[in-house]
Amino acid sequence: MPVIDYSLLSDNPVTTAKPALTNAQSQRPLAGNISGRIGTGDVCRLARQLSTLLRSGMPLVPALSALVEQLQDTSESATTRSRPQDRALAHIMKQVANGVNAGNTLSYTLSRHPDVFSGLFVSMVAAGEAGGTLEETLLRLAEMLEKRAHLAAKVKAATVYPLMMVIVATAVVVFLLSFVVPGITQIFLEMNRALPWPTQLLIIISTFIKKYLVLIIILACAAFFGIRSACKTKEGRFFLDRWKLKMPLFGALFLKLEIARLTRTLGMLLASGIPILTALEIAKSVVQNSLIAKSLDSVKEGVSKGIGVAAAMRKTGFFSPIVFHILSTGQVSGEIETGLINIADMYDGEVEITVKALVSLLEPAILLVMGVVVGLIVLAILLPILEINQAL
């Protein structure tokens, strides 16, 4: 296999790649404001289409031009809804085509748009170019990104849906206590009768919420934005990531998701011919949990000292024994990338099973709590009514 220029295989290829774009249009400012709307799905579709064009025997520059024409036709078609993502991609891919036509590599011209094409994407494209397997690399990239997005969407659904139910339930209870209950309890207060303790407690809570509702909302918003700002700091992010891994029910889910993302990325990089140390550095940028990302530094250090990947990962404490044994077997057989991808497939399946279990567990639990709260409110209102009927 041809020698790969690993100066391109970094988290920020723009700073390491040296060739200058000679085409005037390639020197235009990057489309930062329009490229921000481009999502993973758009990049996956682009990679698949380019891979298909190259596998059909079309040279790279004509294939890029065909992509630009396709994107422009989609964005300007009168029969389909115009998508700003297609217009943005057409603008960017036109610059990429001009850059490649001017003599630059595809990986370098893609690296000129870091908001759209990640360091992982650029690095794998560089490896595919050097190895003469660009079309297969693009196809693997599309499949990997699609699986990663699909898995992340499932986890997001498992966390967002219960959260929305809690927010709606809380809003309903606050509405009842602020606007419905006071009108009813006022009738009891005007009767000057001794009220049951549940009713008295309900009146106290209702009065407090109605009196300080605006202040409560302001404090809640301030706390939300304060925590959000704190989580953007290095210390805050570290604390949040540690807490996420220790969460009951969800902690194991987040860990499995990160391991699946890491092992699949690392396996794809190694299968593309990228050295293990470079692959670990690139994979580190894919991991979203700062604790696990930091642990990869110790893995990289151990590998550089001659320790196997399996043993180095086991020392971090984040990887289960089965991961160690699969990687150990892969090291012996010389197919460690296959072992990594098998681990990712295994954890993908476990994440999907865990998500289904969490959703089926949390939905009735939240409904039960909501029912109990509303039932207590109704009971506190009915008790004095029942006492009045008995007295009459």
Foldseek 3Di string as FASTA:
>chain_A
DFDFDCLCLAQQNQVRDDDDQPDPLLPDQQPVVLQLPADLLNLLVVLLQLLVCVVVPDDNLVSLVVLLVVLVCQQPPPVDDHDSNSVNVSSLSVSLSSRVVSPDASLNSVSSHCSNAGSLRSNLCSLCVRVVNNSVSSNLVSVLSVLLVVLVVLLCCLPVVLVVLVVVLVVVLLCCLQPPLVVLVVVVVVVVDDADPLLVVSVVVSVVCNVCVVVVVVVVVVVVVVLVVQCVDPVSVLVVLVVQLVDPLRNVLLLLSQLLQLLLQLLSCVVSVHDNLSSLNSSLVRRPRVLVSVLSVQLSVCVVVPHASLVSVVVSVSDDVVLSVLQVVCVVVVNNSVSSNVSSVVSSVVSNVSSVVSVVPSVVVSVVVSVVSVVSSVVSSVVVVVVVVVVD
